[in-house]
Amino acid sequence: MTDFARLTSAWITWSTMIGMRNVSASVDRPDCEIAFVSDEGSVQLRHDEGWWAVDTVNDRGQHFDDVAQLSNYELVEKFLMWRWASLVRTATGAKQRGAELHAQGPSSGVEFVELPRDHFVELRLHDDRARVSSTSATVFSHVMRMSVEDIERDLAADIGQKP
């Protein structure tokens, strides 16, 4: 069984920091492995043909399947922690780290492979695979090289609270 403790803690800390309401995480759902929920929307993780699939639901109940597909749980942690902490940084006016990474261009050694799905690309680094939107691919090519601990430390550095 997958240990969702670190992601759950990050979700609760960062989403409540920016004022989301009714924040929780649930593993008791038939449609996914875990759902990170708030009144403002949710993120759901499920297994789909060997991939961890990330789905989102917005505050109007619109469901978006496969906003990312990741080959292992460590990439899931990196993807979601980066995403959530970046939202907090935006909400608190902290400097955006993604812009710096994007300006560097694609991370060396990460292969970008076109997919038949419009506006998505597969990033490959050793055995790691990440299918993400083309708009976030350059930044995530750098993020996938970082440790989860480095992501937490870097993104929490000047937002006033460590997750």
N, C-alpha and C. Protein backbone atom coordinates (compact mmCIF):
# COMPACT_ATOMS: atom_id res chain seq x y z
N MET A 1 0.84 -1.18 0.00
CA MET A 1 0.00 0.00 0.00
C MET A 1 0.89 1.25 0.00
N THR A 2 0.49 2.24 -0.74
CA THR A 2 1.25 3.48 -0.88
C THR A 2 1.06 4.35 0.35
N ASP A 3 2.16 4.95 0.79
CA ASP A 3 2.12 5.86 1.94
C ASP A 3 1.88 7.28 1.43
N PHE A 4 0.69 7.78 1.67
CA PHE A 4 0.30 9.11 1.22
C PHE A 4 0.54 10.19 2.27
N ALA A 5 1.22 9.87 3.37
CA ALA A 5 1.34 10.80 4.50
C ALA A 5 1.99 12.12 4.11
N ARG A 6 3.10 12.09 3.37
CA ARG A 6 3.79 13.33 3.03
C ARG A 6 2.92 14.21 2.14
N LEU A 7 2.28 13.61 1.14
CA LEU A 7 1.41 14.40 0.26
C LEU A 7 0.21 14.95 1.01
N THR A 8 -0.36 14.13 1.87
CA THR A 8 -1.52 14.58 2.65
C THR A 8 -1.15 15.77 3.53
N SER A 9 -0.01 15.67 4.19
CA SER A 9 0.45 16.77 5.05
C SER A 9 0.68 18.04 4.23
N ALA A 10 1.33 17.91 3.08
CA ALA A 10 1.58 19.07 2.22
C ALA A 10 0.26 19.68 1.75
N TRP A 11 -0.69 18.85 1.32
CA TRP A 11 -1.98 19.34 0.85
C TRP A 11 -2.68 20.14 1.94
N ILE A 12 -2.76 19.57 3.13
CA ILE A 12 -3.48 20.23 4.22
C ILE A 12 -2.78 21.52 4.62
N THR A 13 -1.46 21.48 4.75
CA THR A 13 -0.71 22.68 5.15
C THR A 13 -0.85 23.79 4.12
N TRP A 14 -0.54 23.49 2.86
CA TRP A 14 -0.49 24.53 1.85
C TRP A 14 -1.87 25.03 1.45
N SER A 15 -2.86 24.14 1.37
CA SER A 15 -4.18 24.61 0.96
C SER A 15 -4.86 25.43 2.06
N THR A 16 -4.67 25.06 3.31
CA THR A 16 -5.25 25.87 4.38
C THR A 16 -4.51 27.20 4.52
N MET A 17 -3.22 27.22 4.18
CA MET A 17 -2.43 28.46 4.26
C MET A 17 -3.01 29.54 3.35
N ILE A 18 -3.63 29.14 2.25
CA ILE A 18 -4.18 30.15 1.33
C ILE A 18 -5.70 30.27 1.46
N GLY A 19 -6.25 29.68 2.52
CA GLY A 19 -7.65 29.90 2.83
C GLY A 19 -8.65 28.96 2.18
N MET A 20 -8.20 27.85 1.63
CA MET A 20 -9.18 26.89 1.12
C MET A 20 -9.99 26.35 2.28
N ARG A 21 -11.23 26.01 2.01
CA ARG A 21 -12.14 25.55 3.05
C ARG A 21 -12.41 24.05 2.93
N ASN A 22 -12.69 23.43 4.08
CA ASN A 22 -13.04 22.01 4.17
C ASN A 22 -12.00 21.13 3.47
N VAL A 23 -10.76 21.32 3.87
CA VAL A 23 -9.63 20.60 3.29
C VAL A 23 -9.51 19.23 3.94
N SER A 24 -9.35 18.20 3.10
CA SER A 24 -9.17 16.85 3.63
C SER A 24 -8.54 15.97 2.55
N ALA A 25 -8.21 14.76 2.95
CA ALA A 25 -7.73 13.74 2.02
C ALA A 25 -8.47 12.45 2.35
N SER A 26 -8.81 11.68 1.33
CA SER A 26 -9.58 10.47 1.55
C SER A 26 -9.06 9.33 0.68
N VAL A 27 -8.84 8.19 1.33
CA VAL A 27 -8.47 6.97 0.59
C VAL A 27 -9.66 6.02 0.47
N ASP A 28 -10.81 6.45 0.95
CA ASP A 28 -12.01 5.62 0.95
C ASP A 28 -12.93 5.97 -0.21
N ARG A 29 -12.37 5.96 -1.43
CA ARG A 29 -13.16 6.32 -2.60
C ARG A 29 -13.04 5.22 -3.64
N PRO A 30 -14.12 4.89 -4.30
CA PRO A 30 -14.07 3.81 -5.29
C PRO A 30 -13.41 4.22 -6.61
N ASP A 31 -13.32 5.53 -6.88
CA ASP A 31 -12.85 5.99 -8.18
C ASP A 31 -11.37 6.35 -8.23
N CYS A 32 -10.67 6.28 -7.07
CA CYS A 32 -9.25 6.67 -7.06
C CYS A 32 -8.56 6.08 -5.83
N GLU A 33 -7.24 6.15 -5.84
CA GLU A 33 -6.44 5.69 -4.70
C GLU A 33 -6.56 6.67 -3.53
N ILE A 34 -6.53 7.97 -3.86
CA ILE A 34 -6.66 9.02 -2.85
C ILE A 34 -7.21 10.27 -3.53
N ALA A 35 -7.98 11.02 -2.77
CA ALA A 35 -8.49 12.31 -3.24
C ALA A 35 -8.10 13.38 -2.23
N PHE A 36 -7.53 14.47 -2.74
CA PHE A 36 -7.20 15.63 -1.94
C PHE A 36 -8.30 16.65 -2.24
N VAL A 37 -9.11 16.96 -1.23
CA VAL A 37 -10.38 17.65 -1.47
C VAL A 37 -10.44 18.98 -0.71
N SER A 38 -11.12 19.94 -1.32
CA SER A 38 -11.49 21.20 -0.66
C SER A 38 -12.74 21.71 -1.35
N ASP A 39 -13.35 22.73 -0.77
CA ASP A 39 -14.52 23.34 -1.41
C ASP A 39 -14.15 23.96 -2.76
N GLU A 40 -12.88 24.32 -2.91
CA GLU A 40 -12.43 24.99 -4.13
C GLU A 40 -12.01 24.03 -5.23
N GLY A 41 -11.99 22.73 -4.96
CA GLY A 41 -11.62 21.75 -5.97
C GLY A 41 -10.91 20.58 -5.34
N SER A 42 -10.55 19.62 -6.20
CA SER A 42 -9.86 18.44 -5.69
C SER A 42 -8.87 17.90 -6.71
N VAL A 43 -7.99 17.08 -6.20
CA VAL A 43 -7.02 16.36 -7.02
C VAL A 43 -7.18 14.89 -6.65
N GLN A 44 -7.27 14.05 -7.66
CA GLN A 44 -7.44 12.62 -7.43
C GLN A 44 -6.31 11.85 -8.11
N LEU A 45 -5.82 10.83 -7.43
CA LEU A 45 -4.79 9.95 -7.98
C LEU A 45 -5.38 8.58 -8.22
N ARG A 46 -5.08 8.03 -9.38
CA ARG A 46 -5.54 6.67 -9.67
C ARG A 46 -4.48 5.98 -10.51
N HIS A 47 -4.52 4.65 -10.49
CA HIS A 47 -3.66 3.86 -11.37
C HIS A 47 -4.39 3.60 -12.67
N ASP A 48 -3.68 3.77 -13.77
CA ASP A 48 -4.28 3.54 -15.08
C ASP A 48 -3.22 2.97 -16.01
N GLU A 49 -3.33 1.69 -16.29
CA GLU A 49 -2.42 1.00 -17.21
C GLU A 49 -0.95 1.23 -16.86
N GLY A 50 -0.61 1.06 -15.58
CA GLY A 50 0.77 1.17 -15.14
C GLY A 50 1.24 2.57 -14.83
N TRP A 51 0.40 3.57 -15.00
CA TRP A 51 0.75 4.97 -14.72
C TRP A 51 -0.03 5.45 -13.51
N TRP A 52 0.54 6.41 -12.79
CA TRP A 52 -0.22 7.18 -11.82
C TRP A 52 -0.85 8.32 -12.60
N ALA A 53 -2.16 8.37 -12.61
CA ALA A 53 -2.89 9.42 -13.32
C ALA A 53 -3.37 10.46 -12.31
N VAL A 54 -3.20 11.72 -12.67
CA VAL A 54 -3.64 12.84 -11.84
C VAL A 54 -4.85 13.46 -12.52
N ASP A 55 -5.98 13.46 -11.81
CA ASP A 55 -7.21 14.09 -12.29
C ASP A 55 -7.52 15.27 -11.38
N THR A 56 -8.19 16.27 -11.92
CA THR A 56 -8.61 17.40 -11.10
C THR A 56 -10.10 17.65 -11.28
N VAL A 57 -10.68 18.24 -10.27
CA VAL A 57 -12.07 18.69 -10.31
C VAL A 57 -12.06 20.13 -9.80
N ASN A 58 -12.63 21.05 -10.59
CA ASN A 58 -12.60 22.45 -10.16
C ASN A 58 -13.79 22.77 -9.25
N ASP A 59 -13.88 24.01 -8.84
CA ASP A 59 -14.92 24.42 -7.89
C ASP A 59 -16.33 24.37 -8.48
N ARG A 60 -16.45 24.21 -9.79
CA ARG A 60 -17.76 24.08 -10.44
C ARG A 60 -18.10 22.62 -10.75
N GLY A 61 -17.25 21.71 -10.27
CA GLY A 61 -17.50 20.29 -10.47
C GLY A 61 -17.04 19.74 -11.81
N GLN A 62 -16.32 20.53 -12.60
CA GLN A 62 -15.81 20.05 -13.88
C GLN A 62 -14.62 19.14 -13.64
N HIS A 63 -14.67 17.95 -14.24
CA HIS A 63 -13.64 16.93 -14.05
C HIS A 63 -12.68 16.94 -15.23
N PHE A 64 -11.39 16.95 -14.93
CA PHE A 64 -10.35 16.91 -15.96
C PHE A 64 -9.46 15.70 -15.72
N ASP A 65 -9.58 14.71 -16.59
CA ASP A 65 -8.79 13.48 -16.46
C ASP A 65 -7.39 13.66 -17.01
N ASP A 66 -6.46 12.97 -16.39
CA ASP A 66 -5.09 12.86 -16.90
C ASP A 66 -4.41 14.21 -17.13
N VAL A 67 -4.47 15.10 -16.15
CA VAL A 67 -3.71 16.34 -16.30
C VAL A 67 -2.22 16.04 -16.25
N ALA A 68 -1.88 14.88 -15.72
CA ALA A 68 -0.51 14.35 -15.77
C ALA A 68 -0.59 12.84 -15.58
N GLN A 69 0.38 12.15 -16.17
CA GLN A 69 0.56 10.72 -15.94
C GLN A 69 2.03 10.53 -15.59
N LEU A 70 2.26 9.81 -14.49
CA LEU A 70 3.62 9.68 -13.98
C LEU A 70 3.94 8.21 -13.74
N SER A 71 5.16 7.83 -14.02
CA SER A 71 5.52 6.41 -14.00
C SER A 71 5.74 5.85 -12.61
N ASN A 72 5.94 6.70 -11.61
CA ASN A 72 6.15 6.20 -10.25
C ASN A 72 5.65 7.22 -9.23
N TYR A 73 5.50 6.73 -8.01
CA TYR A 73 4.93 7.58 -6.96
C TYR A 73 5.84 8.74 -6.58
N GLU A 74 7.14 8.58 -6.65
CA GLU A 74 8.04 9.68 -6.34
C GLU A 74 7.80 10.86 -7.29
N LEU A 75 7.56 10.58 -8.57
CA LEU A 75 7.24 11.66 -9.51
C LEU A 75 5.90 12.30 -9.19
N VAL A 76 4.96 11.50 -8.70
CA VAL A 76 3.67 12.05 -8.28
C VAL A 76 3.89 13.07 -7.16
N GLU A 77 4.70 12.69 -6.17
CA GLU A 77 4.98 13.62 -5.07
C GLU A 77 5.62 14.90 -5.59
N LYS A 78 6.59 14.77 -6.47
CA LYS A 78 7.26 15.95 -7.02
C LYS A 78 6.27 16.83 -7.79
N PHE A 79 5.46 16.21 -8.62
CA PHE A 79 4.50 16.95 -9.44
C PHE A 79 3.51 17.72 -8.57
N LEU A 80 2.89 17.01 -7.62
CA LEU A 80 1.86 17.65 -6.81
C LEU A 80 2.44 18.65 -5.82
N MET A 81 3.55 18.33 -5.20
CA MET A 81 4.14 19.30 -4.26
C MET A 81 4.55 20.56 -4.99
N TRP A 82 5.14 20.41 -6.17
CA TRP A 82 5.52 21.60 -6.95
C TRP A 82 4.28 22.42 -7.28
N ARG A 83 3.24 21.74 -7.73
CA ARG A 83 2.01 22.43 -8.14
C ARG A 83 1.37 23.16 -6.98
N TRP A 84 1.20 22.45 -5.86
CA TRP A 84 0.53 23.05 -4.71
C TRP A 84 1.35 24.19 -4.11
N ALA A 85 2.63 23.97 -3.93
CA ALA A 85 3.47 25.02 -3.34
C ALA A 85 3.55 26.23 -4.27
N SER A 86 3.54 26.01 -5.57
CA SER A 86 3.55 27.13 -6.51
C SER A 86 2.28 27.97 -6.38
N LEU A 87 1.14 27.31 -6.15
CA LEU A 87 -0.11 28.05 -5.92
C LEU A 87 0.00 28.91 -4.66
N VAL A 88 0.58 28.34 -3.61
CA VAL A 88 0.76 29.10 -2.37
C VAL A 88 1.69 30.28 -2.62
N ARG A 89 2.76 30.06 -3.35
CA ARG A 89 3.71 31.14 -3.63
C ARG A 89 3.00 32.26 -4.40
N THR A 90 2.14 31.90 -5.34
CA THR A 90 1.38 32.90 -6.08
C THR A 90 0.45 33.66 -5.14
N ALA A 91 -0.28 32.93 -4.31
CA ALA A 91 -1.25 33.55 -3.40
C ALA A 91 -0.60 34.45 -2.36
N THR A 92 0.63 34.13 -1.97
CA THR A 92 1.29 34.90 -0.93
C THR A 92 2.24 35.96 -1.50
N GLY A 93 2.35 36.01 -2.81
CA GLY A 93 3.22 37.01 -3.44
C GLY A 93 4.70 36.66 -3.41
N ALA A 94 5.02 35.40 -3.09
CA ALA A 94 6.42 34.98 -3.08
C ALA A 94 6.93 34.85 -4.51
N LYS A 95 8.22 34.95 -4.67
CA LYS A 95 8.85 34.85 -5.99
C LYS A 95 8.57 33.48 -6.60
N GLN A 96 8.22 33.48 -7.87
CA GLN A 96 7.91 32.24 -8.57
C GLN A 96 9.19 31.53 -9.01
N ARG A 97 9.34 30.30 -8.62
CA ARG A 97 10.52 29.51 -8.99
C ARG A 97 10.39 28.97 -10.42
N GLY A 98 9.18 28.73 -10.86
CA GLY A 98 8.97 28.16 -12.19
C GLY A 98 9.50 29.05 -13.30
N ALA A 99 9.36 30.34 -13.15
CA ALA A 99 9.83 31.28 -14.18
C ALA A 99 11.35 31.17 -14.35
N GLU A 100 12.06 31.03 -13.23
CA GLU A 100 13.51 30.87 -13.29
C GLU A 100 13.90 29.60 -14.03
N LEU A 101 13.21 28.50 -13.72
CA LEU A 101 13.52 27.22 -14.37
C LEU A 101 13.15 27.26 -15.85
N HIS A 102 12.04 27.87 -16.16
CA HIS A 102 11.61 27.96 -17.56
C HIS A 102 12.63 28.74 -18.39
N ALA A 103 13.16 29.80 -17.81
CA ALA A 103 14.14 30.63 -18.52
C ALA A 103 15.42 29.86 -18.84
N GLN A 104 15.71 28.80 -18.09
CA GLN A 104 16.90 27.99 -18.35
C GLN A 104 16.72 27.04 -19.53
N GLY A 105 15.49 26.89 -19.99
CA GLY A 105 15.22 25.94 -21.07
C GLY A 105 15.14 24.54 -20.51
N PRO A 106 14.93 23.55 -21.38
CA PRO A 106 14.81 22.16 -20.92
C PRO A 106 16.06 21.69 -20.17
N SER A 107 15.84 20.88 -19.14
CA SER A 107 16.94 20.34 -18.35
C SER A 107 17.74 19.35 -19.20
N SER A 108 19.06 19.47 -19.14
CA SER A 108 19.89 18.58 -19.95
C SER A 108 19.71 17.14 -19.49
N GLY A 109 19.72 16.25 -20.44
CA GLY A 109 19.58 14.84 -20.15
C GLY A 109 18.14 14.35 -20.08
N VAL A 110 17.19 15.27 -20.07
CA VAL A 110 15.78 14.86 -20.07
C VAL A 110 15.30 14.87 -21.52
N GLU A 111 14.81 13.72 -21.95
CA GLU A 111 14.33 13.58 -23.33
C GLU A 111 12.87 14.01 -23.41
N PHE A 112 12.54 14.79 -24.43
CA PHE A 112 11.17 15.23 -24.69
C PHE A 112 10.65 14.42 -25.87
N VAL A 113 9.57 13.67 -25.66
CA VAL A 113 9.01 12.81 -26.69
C VAL A 113 7.58 13.26 -26.99
N GLU A 114 7.32 13.53 -28.26
CA GLU A 114 5.96 13.94 -28.66
C GLU A 114 4.98 12.80 -28.41
N LEU A 115 3.76 13.15 -28.05
CA LEU A 115 2.69 12.18 -27.83
C LEU A 115 1.57 12.44 -28.82
N PRO A 116 0.76 11.43 -29.10
CA PRO A 116 -0.38 11.67 -29.99
C PRO A 116 -1.43 12.60 -29.38
N ARG A 117 -1.42 12.75 -28.07
CA ARG A 117 -2.35 13.64 -27.38
C ARG A 117 -1.90 15.08 -27.58
N ASP A 118 -2.78 15.92 -28.08
CA ASP A 118 -2.46 17.32 -28.32
C ASP A 118 -2.00 18.02 -27.04
N HIS A 119 -0.96 18.82 -27.18
CA HIS A 119 -0.47 19.69 -26.11
C HIS A 119 0.13 18.94 -24.92
N PHE A 120 0.53 17.69 -25.13
CA PHE A 120 1.19 16.91 -24.08
C PHE A 120 2.48 16.32 -24.62
N VAL A 121 3.44 16.14 -23.73
CA VAL A 121 4.74 15.59 -24.08
C VAL A 121 5.15 14.59 -22.98
N GLU A 122 5.93 13.60 -23.36
CA GLU A 122 6.47 12.68 -22.36
C GLU A 122 7.92 13.05 -22.09
N LEU A 123 8.23 13.23 -20.82
CA LEU A 123 9.60 13.50 -20.39
C LEU A 123 10.21 12.19 -19.92
N ARG A 124 11.43 11.93 -20.33
CA ARG A 124 12.11 10.69 -19.96
C ARG A 124 13.47 11.02 -19.35
N LEU A 125 13.69 10.48 -18.17
CA LEU A 125 14.97 10.62 -17.48
C LEU A 125 15.26 9.27 -16.83
N HIS A 126 16.21 8.55 -17.37
CA HIS A 126 16.52 7.19 -16.92
C HIS A 126 15.24 6.36 -17.01
N ASP A 127 14.76 5.81 -15.89
CA ASP A 127 13.53 5.01 -15.91
C ASP A 127 12.28 5.83 -15.59
N ASP A 128 12.46 7.09 -15.27
CA ASP A 128 11.33 7.96 -14.93
C ASP A 128 10.65 8.47 -16.20
N ARG A 129 9.32 8.47 -16.18
CA ARG A 129 8.52 8.99 -17.28
C ARG A 129 7.44 9.90 -16.71
N ALA A 130 7.23 11.02 -17.39
CA ALA A 130 6.19 11.95 -16.96
C ALA A 130 5.50 12.48 -18.21
N ARG A 131 4.21 12.28 -18.29
CA ARG A 131 3.40 12.84 -19.38
C ARG A 131 2.69 14.07 -18.82
N VAL A 132 3.13 15.22 -19.30
CA VAL A 132 2.62 16.49 -18.77
C VAL A 132 2.28 17.42 -19.93
N SER A 133 1.58 18.50 -19.62
CA SER A 133 1.23 19.47 -20.66
C SER A 133 2.50 20.10 -21.21
N SER A 134 2.48 20.43 -22.48
CA SER A 134 3.67 21.05 -23.08
C SER A 134 4.00 22.37 -22.41
N THR A 135 3.00 23.06 -21.86
CA THR A 135 3.28 24.35 -21.20
C THR A 135 4.05 24.18 -19.90
N SER A 136 3.93 23.04 -19.25
CA SER A 136 4.65 22.84 -17.99
C SER A 136 5.87 21.93 -18.14
N ALA A 137 6.12 21.41 -19.33
CA ALA A 137 7.17 20.41 -19.53
C ALA A 137 8.57 20.93 -19.23
N THR A 138 8.89 22.13 -19.67
CA THR A 138 10.23 22.65 -19.44
C THR A 138 10.53 22.77 -17.95
N VAL A 139 9.60 23.32 -17.21
CA VAL A 139 9.79 23.46 -15.76
C VAL A 139 9.88 22.09 -15.11
N PHE A 140 8.97 21.18 -15.48
CA PHE A 140 8.97 19.87 -14.82
C PHE A 140 10.21 19.06 -15.20
N SER A 141 10.83 19.34 -16.33
CA SER A 141 12.07 18.63 -16.67
C SER A 141 13.15 18.93 -15.63
N HIS A 142 13.10 20.10 -15.02
CA HIS A 142 14.03 20.44 -13.93
C HIS A 142 13.55 19.84 -12.61
N VAL A 143 12.26 19.93 -12.35
CA VAL A 143 11.69 19.45 -11.10
C VAL A 143 11.92 17.95 -10.94
N MET A 144 11.80 17.19 -12.02
CA MET A 144 11.94 15.74 -11.88
C MET A 144 13.36 15.33 -11.51
N ARG A 145 14.34 16.22 -11.65
CA ARG A 145 15.72 15.95 -11.24
C ARG A 145 15.94 16.25 -9.76
N MET A 146 15.03 17.00 -9.13
CA MET A 146 15.17 17.39 -7.73
C MET A 146 14.67 16.27 -6.82
N SER A 147 15.14 16.29 -5.57
CA SER A 147 14.57 15.38 -4.57
C SER A 147 13.29 16.02 -4.03
N VAL A 148 12.43 15.21 -3.48
CA VAL A 148 11.20 15.73 -2.88
C VAL A 148 11.55 16.68 -1.74
N GLU A 149 12.58 16.34 -0.96
CA GLU A 149 12.99 17.19 0.15
C GLU A 149 13.48 18.55 -0.35
N ASP A 150 14.22 18.57 -1.45
CA ASP A 150 14.69 19.84 -2.01
C ASP A 150 13.51 20.69 -2.49
N ILE A 151 12.52 20.04 -3.09
CA ILE A 151 11.34 20.77 -3.55
C ILE A 151 10.63 21.41 -2.37
N GLU A 152 10.40 20.63 -1.32
CA GLU A 152 9.74 21.16 -0.13
C GLU A 152 10.51 22.34 0.45
N ARG A 153 11.79 22.17 0.63
CA ARG A 153 12.64 23.20 1.24
C ARG A 153 12.68 24.46 0.36
N ASP A 154 12.90 24.28 -0.93
CA ASP A 154 13.03 25.41 -1.84
C ASP A 154 11.73 26.21 -1.93
N LEU A 155 10.62 25.52 -2.09
CA LEU A 155 9.35 26.22 -2.29
C LEU A 155 8.80 26.82 -1.01
N ALA A 156 9.14 26.22 0.12
CA ALA A 156 8.63 26.74 1.39
C ALA A 156 9.53 27.84 1.96
N ALA A 157 10.68 28.06 1.34
CA ALA A 157 11.72 28.92 1.90
C ALA A 157 11.23 30.30 2.34
N ASP A 158 10.46 30.97 1.52
CA ASP A 158 10.08 32.33 1.90
C ASP A 158 8.57 32.56 1.89
N ILE A 159 7.82 31.49 2.21
CA ILE A 159 6.38 31.67 2.33
C ILE A 159 5.93 31.61 3.78
N GLY A 160 6.88 31.57 4.70
CA GLY A 160 6.54 31.74 6.11
C GLY A 160 6.27 30.48 6.90
N GLN A 161 6.20 29.32 6.22
CA GLN A 161 5.88 28.10 6.97
C GLN A 161 6.40 26.92 6.19
N LYS A 162 7.02 25.98 6.87
CA LYS A 162 7.48 24.76 6.23
C LYS A 162 6.35 23.74 6.26
N PRO A 163 6.10 23.07 5.13
CA PRO A 163 5.03 22.07 5.12
C PRO A 163 5.35 20.88 6.00
